[in-house]
Protein backbone atom coordinates (compact mmCIF):
# COMPACT_ATOMS: atom_id res chain seq x y z
CA MET A 1 14.82 -53.51 85.83
CA LYS A 2 15.31 -49.76 85.42
CA GLU A 3 12.70 -48.06 83.26
CA ILE A 4 13.92 -47.43 79.74
CA ILE A 5 12.71 -44.02 78.42
CA PRO A 6 12.64 -43.19 74.71
CA ALA A 7 14.14 -39.98 73.24
CA ARG A 8 12.04 -36.91 73.61
CA ARG A 9 11.40 -36.88 69.90
CA VAL A 10 9.46 -40.05 70.07
CA ALA A 11 7.21 -38.51 72.86
CA ASP A 12 6.65 -35.35 70.83
CA ILE A 13 4.98 -37.16 67.72
CA LYS A 14 2.28 -39.67 67.29
CA GLU A 15 2.14 -42.82 65.11
CA TYR A 16 1.08 -41.79 61.64
CA TYR A 17 -2.70 -41.63 61.46
CA PHE A 18 -2.97 -44.18 58.61
CA SER A 19 -0.61 -46.49 60.34
CA THR A 20 -2.98 -46.82 63.21
CA LYS A 21 -6.29 -46.60 61.27
CA LEU A 22 -5.12 -49.28 58.66
CA LYS A 23 -4.50 -51.61 61.56
CA GLU A 24 -8.21 -51.20 62.52
CA VAL A 25 -9.18 -51.75 58.96
CA ALA A 26 -6.96 -54.98 58.84
CA ALA A 27 -8.62 -56.32 62.00
CA MET A 28 -12.13 -55.67 60.56
CA ARG A 29 -11.22 -57.48 57.42
CA ALA A 30 -9.81 -60.34 59.32
CA ALA A 31 -13.05 -60.65 61.25
CA GLY A 32 -14.82 -60.98 57.85
CA THR A 33 -15.98 -57.44 57.16
CA ASP A 34 -15.47 -56.27 53.51
CA VAL A 35 -14.03 -52.83 54.14
CA ILE A 36 -13.78 -50.48 51.12
CA SER A 37 -10.93 -48.27 51.56
CA LEU A 38 -11.08 -44.74 49.96
CA GLY A 39 -8.60 -43.29 52.41
CA VAL A 40 -5.00 -43.57 51.34
CA GLY A 41 -3.85 -42.08 48.13
CA GLY A 42 -1.92 -45.15 46.93
CA PRO A 43 -2.58 -45.88 43.15
CA ASP A 44 -4.10 -49.40 42.73
CA ARG A 45 -2.94 -49.83 39.16
CA ALA A 46 0.12 -51.21 37.67
CA PRO A 47 3.09 -49.17 36.29
CA ALA A 48 3.56 -49.23 32.42
CA ALA A 49 4.41 -52.57 31.03
CA GLU A 50 7.86 -51.40 29.72
CA VAL A 51 8.60 -50.20 33.15
CA ILE A 52 8.04 -53.58 34.67
CA GLU A 53 9.98 -55.39 31.85
CA THR A 54 12.84 -53.25 32.46
CA LEU A 55 12.99 -54.11 36.11
CA ARG A 56 12.59 -57.87 35.28
CA SER A 57 15.29 -57.93 32.62
CA GLN A 58 17.82 -55.87 34.76
CA VAL A 59 17.23 -57.76 37.92
CA LEU A 60 18.57 -61.06 36.09
CA ARG A 61 21.98 -59.49 35.64
CA PRO A 62 24.69 -60.50 38.22
CA GLU A 63 26.09 -57.05 38.44
CA ALA A 64 22.70 -55.58 39.34
CA HIS A 65 22.72 -56.28 43.07
CA GLY A 66 25.60 -54.39 44.62
CA TYR A 67 25.55 -51.09 46.46
CA GLN A 68 24.82 -47.96 44.30
CA SER A 69 25.84 -44.36 44.43
CA TYR A 70 24.16 -42.10 46.97
CA THR A 71 23.33 -39.81 44.10
CA GLY A 72 21.66 -42.41 42.04
CA LEU A 73 22.49 -43.69 38.52
CA PRO A 74 23.67 -40.78 36.08
CA GLU A 75 20.86 -42.15 33.63
CA LEU A 76 18.23 -41.70 36.24
CA ARG A 77 19.46 -38.11 37.12
CA ARG A 78 19.40 -37.34 33.34
CA ALA A 79 15.99 -38.81 32.99
CA TRP A 80 14.61 -36.43 35.80
CA ALA A 81 16.38 -33.42 34.28
CA ASP A 82 14.95 -34.26 30.87
CA TRP A 83 11.38 -34.81 32.29
CA TYR A 84 11.55 -31.32 34.10
CA ARG A 85 12.56 -29.87 30.70
CA ARG A 86 9.92 -31.61 28.64
CA TRP A 87 6.98 -31.07 30.92
CA TYR A 88 7.78 -27.87 33.05
CA GLY A 89 10.24 -26.17 30.80
CA VAL A 90 12.87 -25.98 33.53
CA MET A 91 16.52 -26.62 32.68
CA LEU A 92 18.57 -28.62 35.41
CA ASN A 93 22.14 -29.79 35.55
CA PRO A 94 21.67 -33.55 36.30
CA ASP A 95 25.02 -33.69 37.90
CA THR A 96 24.59 -30.95 40.59
CA GLU A 97 20.80 -30.02 40.73
CA VAL A 98 19.05 -33.32 40.73
CA LEU A 99 19.17 -35.63 43.82
CA PRO A 100 17.10 -38.92 43.58
CA LEU A 101 15.41 -39.79 46.75
CA ILE A 102 13.92 -43.12 48.23
CA GLY A 103 10.55 -41.57 48.25
CA SER A 104 9.70 -37.77 48.81
CA LYS A 105 8.21 -38.54 52.17
CA GLU A 106 11.77 -39.64 53.22
CA GLY A 107 12.97 -36.48 51.60
CA VAL A 108 10.89 -34.46 53.84
CA LEU A 109 13.00 -35.62 56.78
CA HIS A 110 16.22 -35.22 54.92
CA ILE A 111 15.44 -31.57 54.07
CA SER A 112 14.37 -30.83 57.58
CA MET A 113 17.69 -32.38 58.97
CA ALA A 114 19.70 -30.38 56.49
CA PHE A 115 18.23 -27.10 57.07
CA LEU A 116 16.75 -26.83 60.53
CA ASN A 117 18.45 -26.66 63.81
CA GLU A 118 16.67 -27.35 67.27
CA GLY A 119 14.54 -24.22 67.86
CA ASP A 120 14.62 -22.91 64.26
CA GLY A 121 11.23 -21.83 62.92
CA VAL A 122 9.50 -23.68 59.98
CA LEU A 123 6.27 -22.48 58.36
CA VAL A 124 3.72 -25.42 57.82
CA PRO A 125 0.40 -25.18 56.01
CA ASN A 126 -2.83 -25.75 57.93
CA PRO A 127 -4.30 -28.08 56.43
CA GLY A 128 -1.36 -29.81 55.02
CA TYR A 129 0.49 -32.97 54.87
CA PRO A 130 1.14 -34.33 58.38
CA THR A 131 4.68 -35.36 57.74
CA TYR A 132 5.74 -31.73 57.43
CA SER A 133 4.83 -31.31 61.20
CA SER A 134 6.18 -34.70 62.38
CA ALA A 135 9.49 -34.23 60.55
CA SER A 136 9.84 -30.80 62.04
CA ARG A 137 9.23 -32.27 65.52
CA LEU A 138 11.69 -34.95 64.92
CA VAL A 139 14.58 -32.29 64.30
CA GLY A 140 13.29 -30.27 67.31
CA ALA A 141 12.13 -27.25 65.06
CA ARG A 142 9.59 -24.52 66.06
CA ILE A 143 6.39 -24.90 64.10
CA LEU A 144 4.47 -21.97 62.85
CA ASN A 145 1.25 -22.97 61.16
CA TYR A 146 -0.04 -20.61 58.55
CA ASP A 147 -3.56 -20.67 57.47
CA LEU A 148 -5.03 -22.01 54.24
CA THR A 149 -8.76 -21.31 53.93
CA GLU A 150 -11.50 -22.22 51.49
CA GLU A 151 -12.43 -18.53 51.14
CA ASN A 152 -8.80 -17.79 49.95
CA GLY A 153 -8.85 -20.76 47.56
CA TRP A 154 -6.43 -22.62 49.80
CA GLN A 155 -3.65 -20.23 49.01
CA PRO A 156 -1.31 -18.58 51.52
CA ASP A 157 -2.29 -15.32 52.84
CA TRP A 158 0.81 -13.21 52.17
CA ASP A 159 -0.13 -10.19 54.24
CA ALA A 160 -0.70 -12.44 57.25
CA LEU A 161 2.66 -14.00 56.68
CA GLU A 162 4.44 -10.67 56.32
CA ALA A 163 2.84 -9.60 59.59
CA THR A 164 4.14 -12.73 61.36
CA ASP A 165 7.25 -12.61 63.48
CA LEU A 166 9.63 -14.49 61.20
CA THR A 167 12.67 -14.37 63.50
CA GLY A 168 14.49 -17.46 63.21
CA VAL A 169 12.30 -18.92 60.45
CA LYS A 170 14.53 -21.07 58.01
CA LEU A 171 12.05 -23.08 56.03
CA MET A 172 8.63 -22.98 54.44
CA TRP A 173 6.64 -25.98 53.30
CA MET A 174 4.28 -25.68 50.30
CA ASN A 175 2.35 -28.33 48.34
CA TYR A 176 0.84 -27.27 44.89
CA PRO A 177 -1.26 -28.80 43.67
CA HIS A 178 -2.45 -29.03 47.26
CA MET A 179 -3.09 -32.06 49.28
CA PRO A 180 -5.62 -32.54 50.86
CA THR A 181 -7.67 -29.77 49.25
CA GLY A 182 -7.00 -30.30 45.51
CA ALA A 183 -6.29 -26.49 45.11
CA ARG A 184 -4.49 -26.00 41.90
CA ALA A 185 -0.97 -24.30 41.56
CA ARG A 186 -1.24 -20.66 40.77
CA ARG A 187 1.60 -18.74 39.01
CA GLU A 188 1.05 -15.70 41.41
CA THR A 189 1.37 -18.01 44.44
CA PHE A 190 4.73 -19.39 43.20
CA GLU A 191 5.97 -15.72 42.27
CA ARG A 192 4.98 -14.49 45.77
CA ALA A 193 6.49 -17.48 47.48
CA VAL A 194 9.90 -16.99 45.66
CA ALA A 195 9.80 -13.14 46.40
CA PHE A 196 8.84 -13.99 50.14
CA GLY A 197 11.69 -16.48 50.46
CA ARG A 198 14.43 -14.28 48.93
CA ARG A 199 13.23 -11.28 50.91
CA HIS A 200 13.31 -13.07 54.33
CA GLY A 201 16.08 -15.66 53.57
CA ILE A 202 13.63 -18.55 54.01
CA VAL A 203 13.96 -21.61 51.95
CA ILE A 204 10.69 -22.52 50.07
CA VAL A 205 10.10 -26.19 49.52
CA ASN A 206 7.30 -27.20 47.06
CA ASP A 207 6.16 -30.81 47.39
CA ASN A 208 4.90 -31.41 43.86
CA PRO A 209 3.73 -35.05 43.30
CA TYR A 210 0.16 -34.32 42.06
CA SER A 211 0.88 -31.95 39.23
CA PHE A 212 -0.14 -34.64 36.49
CA ILE A 213 -3.36 -35.80 38.09
CA LEU A 214 -6.56 -34.41 36.59
CA ASN A 215 -4.47 -31.38 35.77
CA SER A 216 -4.08 -30.25 32.13
CA ARG A 217 -1.13 -27.94 32.71
CA PRO A 218 1.72 -29.30 34.98
CA GLU A 219 3.46 -26.50 36.75
CA SER A 220 6.72 -26.10 38.88
CA ILE A 221 7.66 -23.45 41.21
CA LEU A 222 11.16 -23.57 39.46
CA GLU A 223 9.57 -21.99 36.27
CA VAL A 224 9.67 -18.63 38.23
CA GLU A 225 12.79 -16.61 37.53
CA GLY A 226 15.28 -16.82 40.40
CA ALA A 227 13.41 -19.68 42.04
CA ILE A 228 16.19 -22.12 41.96
CA ASP A 229 18.28 -19.88 44.18
CA ILE A 230 15.88 -20.10 47.19
CA CYS A 231 13.59 -23.01 46.37
CA ILE A 232 13.68 -26.80 46.61
CA GLU A 233 11.13 -28.90 44.81
CA MET A 234 10.37 -32.53 45.38
CA ASN A 235 8.59 -34.80 42.85
CA SER A 236 7.70 -38.39 42.85
CA LEU A 237 6.70 -41.27 40.56
CA SER A 238 4.22 -42.62 43.25
CA LYS A 239 1.05 -40.82 42.05
CA SER A 240 1.86 -39.99 38.32
CA HIS A 241 3.38 -43.36 37.36
CA ASN A 242 1.53 -45.80 39.69
CA MET A 243 4.68 -46.58 41.61
CA PRO A 244 4.06 -45.89 45.25
CA GLY A 245 5.69 -48.89 46.67
CA TRP A 246 8.80 -48.36 44.52
CA ARG A 247 9.81 -45.27 46.67
CA VAL A 248 11.18 -43.17 43.76
CA GLY A 249 11.29 -39.51 44.35
CA VAL A 250 13.64 -36.56 43.69
CA ALA A 251 14.69 -33.27 45.09
CA VAL A 252 15.72 -30.54 42.59
CA SER A 253 17.46 -27.29 43.49
CA ASN A 254 20.60 -25.28 43.35
CA PRO A 255 23.89 -27.19 43.76
CA THR A 256 24.52 -25.93 47.24
CA PHE A 257 21.17 -26.96 48.67
CA ILE A 258 21.49 -30.34 46.91
CA SER A 259 24.97 -30.76 48.43
CA TRP A 260 23.60 -30.21 51.95
CA ILE A 261 20.74 -32.54 51.61
CA LEU A 262 23.16 -35.24 50.19
CA LYS A 263 25.24 -34.88 53.32
CA VAL A 264 22.26 -36.15 55.42
CA LYS A 265 21.16 -38.58 52.79
CA SER A 266 24.50 -40.28 52.32
CA ASN A 267 24.44 -40.97 56.09
CA VAL A 268 21.10 -42.43 56.19
CA ASP A 269 20.68 -44.72 53.22
CA SER A 270 22.87 -46.63 50.95
CA GLY A 271 21.45 -45.82 47.62
CA GLN A 272 18.53 -47.47 45.56
CA PHE A 273 18.46 -50.80 43.78
CA ARG A 274 20.15 -50.37 40.39
CA PRO A 275 17.23 -52.22 38.41
CA LEU A 276 14.65 -50.10 40.18
CA MET A 277 16.44 -46.89 39.03
CA GLN A 278 16.72 -48.10 35.56
CA ALA A 279 13.08 -48.99 35.43
CA ALA A 280 12.30 -45.52 36.96
CA ALA A 281 14.32 -43.88 34.16
CA GLN A 282 12.13 -45.85 31.73
CA ALA A 283 9.04 -44.55 33.58
CA LEU A 284 10.13 -40.84 33.12
CA ALA A 285 10.35 -41.34 29.33
CA ALA A 286 6.58 -41.87 28.97
CA GLY A 287 4.70 -39.81 26.39
CA PRO A 288 1.58 -37.79 26.90
CA GLU A 289 -0.66 -41.03 26.11
CA TRP A 290 0.47 -42.55 29.46
CA TYR A 291 -0.78 -39.52 31.48
CA GLU A 292 -3.95 -39.34 29.25
CA GLU A 293 -4.86 -43.01 30.21
CA VAL A 294 -4.15 -42.37 34.01
CA ASN A 295 -6.37 -39.29 33.94
CA ARG A 296 -9.15 -41.16 32.01
CA VAL A 297 -9.41 -43.56 34.63
CA TYR A 298 -9.25 -41.09 37.61
CA ALA A 299 -11.96 -38.82 35.80
CA ASP A 300 -14.40 -41.64 35.74
CA ARG A 301 -13.75 -42.50 39.47
CA ARG A 302 -14.01 -38.83 40.24
CA LYS A 303 -17.55 -38.83 38.98
CA VAL A 304 -18.47 -41.50 41.48
CA ALA A 305 -16.58 -39.74 44.24
CA GLU A 306 -18.66 -36.62 43.67
CA GLN A 307 -21.91 -38.80 44.01
CA ILE A 308 -20.53 -40.03 47.37
CA MET A 309 -19.99 -36.34 48.45
CA GLU A 310 -23.47 -35.58 47.45
CA ALA A 311 -24.83 -38.61 49.30
CA LEU A 312 -23.01 -37.36 52.46
CA GLY A 313 -24.54 -33.85 52.01
CA CYS A 314 -21.01 -32.29 51.36
CA THR A 315 -20.04 -29.52 49.09
CA TRP A 316 -16.89 -29.41 46.94
CA ASP A 317 -14.88 -27.22 44.55
CA PRO A 318 -15.32 -28.86 41.15
CA SER A 319 -11.87 -27.21 39.88
CA GLN A 320 -9.94 -29.59 42.25
CA SER A 321 -7.05 -31.65 40.76
CA GLY A 322 -5.18 -34.57 42.17
CA LEU A 323 -5.89 -37.92 43.59
CA PHE A 324 -8.65 -37.03 46.08
CA LEU A 325 -11.88 -35.23 46.35
CA TRP A 326 -12.06 -32.80 49.31
CA GLY A 327 -15.63 -31.96 50.46
CA ARG A 328 -17.09 -29.61 53.29
CA ILE A 329 -19.34 -31.17 55.79
CA SER A 330 -22.58 -29.21 55.75
CA ASP A 331 -23.94 -30.47 59.25
CA PRO A 332 -22.32 -28.28 61.89
CA ALA A 333 -22.99 -30.83 64.57
CA VAL A 334 -20.78 -33.43 62.82
CA THR A 335 -17.03 -33.42 62.95
CA SER A 336 -14.80 -35.19 60.39
CA GLU A 337 -13.55 -37.75 62.68
CA ALA A 338 -17.12 -38.67 63.86
CA LEU A 339 -18.25 -38.87 60.27
CA ALA A 340 -15.41 -41.13 59.24
CA ASP A 341 -15.77 -43.43 62.21
CA ARG A 342 -19.47 -43.84 61.51
CA LEU A 343 -18.87 -44.56 57.75
CA LEU A 344 -16.22 -47.17 58.78
CA HIS A 345 -18.25 -48.88 61.53
CA GLU A 346 -21.81 -48.72 59.94
CA ALA A 347 -20.97 -48.81 56.23
CA ALA A 348 -17.56 -50.51 56.19
CA VAL A 349 -16.19 -47.51 54.11
CA PHE A 350 -13.02 -45.88 55.04
CA LEU A 351 -12.68 -42.25 54.17
CA THR A 352 -10.14 -39.73 55.46
CA PRO A 353 -11.29 -37.13 58.09
CA GLY A 354 -9.80 -33.71 57.41
CA PHE A 355 -8.79 -33.03 61.07
CA ILE A 356 -5.69 -35.08 60.51
CA PHE A 357 -4.37 -32.39 58.19
CA GLY A 358 -4.85 -29.58 60.77
CA SER A 359 -7.59 -27.61 62.49
CA ASN A 360 -8.67 -25.93 59.29
CA GLY A 361 -9.54 -29.40 57.89
CA ASP A 362 -11.86 -30.32 60.62
CA ARG A 363 -15.03 -29.43 58.61
CA TYR A 364 -13.99 -31.56 55.62
CA ILE A 365 -13.67 -35.20 54.57
CA ARG A 366 -11.48 -36.65 51.75
CA ILE A 367 -12.27 -39.35 49.33
CA SER A 368 -9.27 -41.23 47.57
CA LEU A 369 -9.69 -42.05 43.86
CA CYS A 370 -7.33 -45.09 44.32
CA ALA A 371 -9.98 -47.85 44.16
CA PRO A 372 -11.66 -49.56 41.15
CA GLU A 373 -14.75 -47.71 40.03
CA GLU A 374 -16.97 -50.74 40.93
CA ARG A 375 -15.75 -50.75 44.39
CA MET A 376 -16.35 -46.99 44.67
CA THR A 377 -19.82 -47.58 43.35
CA GLU A 378 -20.37 -50.25 46.03
CA ALA A 379 -19.23 -47.62 48.62
CA LEU A 380 -21.69 -45.15 47.28
CA ASN A 381 -24.55 -47.77 47.59
CA ARG A 382 -23.58 -48.43 51.19
CA ILE A 383 -23.63 -44.83 52.11
CA THR A 384 -26.74 -44.13 50.29
CA ASN A 385 -28.46 -46.85 52.34
CA LEU A 386 -27.17 -45.67 55.77
CA LYS A 387 -29.99 -44.82 58.23
CA PRO A 388 -29.96 -41.08 59.12
CA THR A 389 -28.17 -40.31 62.20
CA SER A 390 -29.56 -38.65 65.40
CA HIS A 391 -27.70 -35.90 67.22
CA ASN A 392 -29.54 -36.91 70.31
CA GLY A 393 -27.82 -40.12 70.67
């Protein structure tokens, strides 16, 4: 039989790190090892009771099961627009400036396909969410990594970006509050990003799913005057509302940008499940007490995560926000991959090595707060009882 060769785009990307590593974790568990996973940022608690009840009641209706609009239910778009008004002070037209997505990770690819031709340049943060790079490779774009460093508070170096050859650059990915480092959004960063994008004709995309987690003042790049002309912001219910598996996200921007993304989206999916969208609208109506309770739980877990970092001899910035704790490995002889593998195989604790987020993450390790406090405490005990490692083998 003649050899079958996949498309070049398949050869240009690797399987997602968590996809491969969680297979290893699953194999260890199948063999009887009690692995504690503090790797993936998938909330382990349930959505609000009224959200689940809305889904349950609506799914029983006979008319609930048909195809839905590619732009989502009007009530869901209105709910997103009202949410942006209440929490960010941003006014949006729900009919033209709001596009519900089947998850914001999926939206990364939709946006890449809508704005990037083969060979176009795209600015990707290092460290940053790996999907920005993989989606760029899937569409054949030219990746220009821009450095984020601890010394600069994990904010872009705008002087360095201005000195970069920006010929053919069409898109810039940002993510504040930042994943994986937990660096908070800064008004100055957003203002400079908007000015940079307008000056060079570069679309700025801020991926914003963490603004409500351990963060007292949620912020949106669209709060900056004129931002909507050059920016797209993505948001999600995965982190803030304990709904990662529901795949409910949104892109908000000006009507032209939204129409271009819709052209891609309408040829890729067939809309979301109607009861799910109705339940998502219910989730978006939550009051401050919902976010206060979510953050109370994460604040308690964060204290244990800090103890784990201490046990590992790592340092961290206490001002971090988001679902993770990002810590610097103090031992120069230990890489993040080596440390993560040792913890998995010797302590049965899965942490995320920073190298998967880019070369600037290799000296760091990330702990997810998405596990019950007692499991995190058990992980701390296991790590504390590990025997010291020898660099001489």
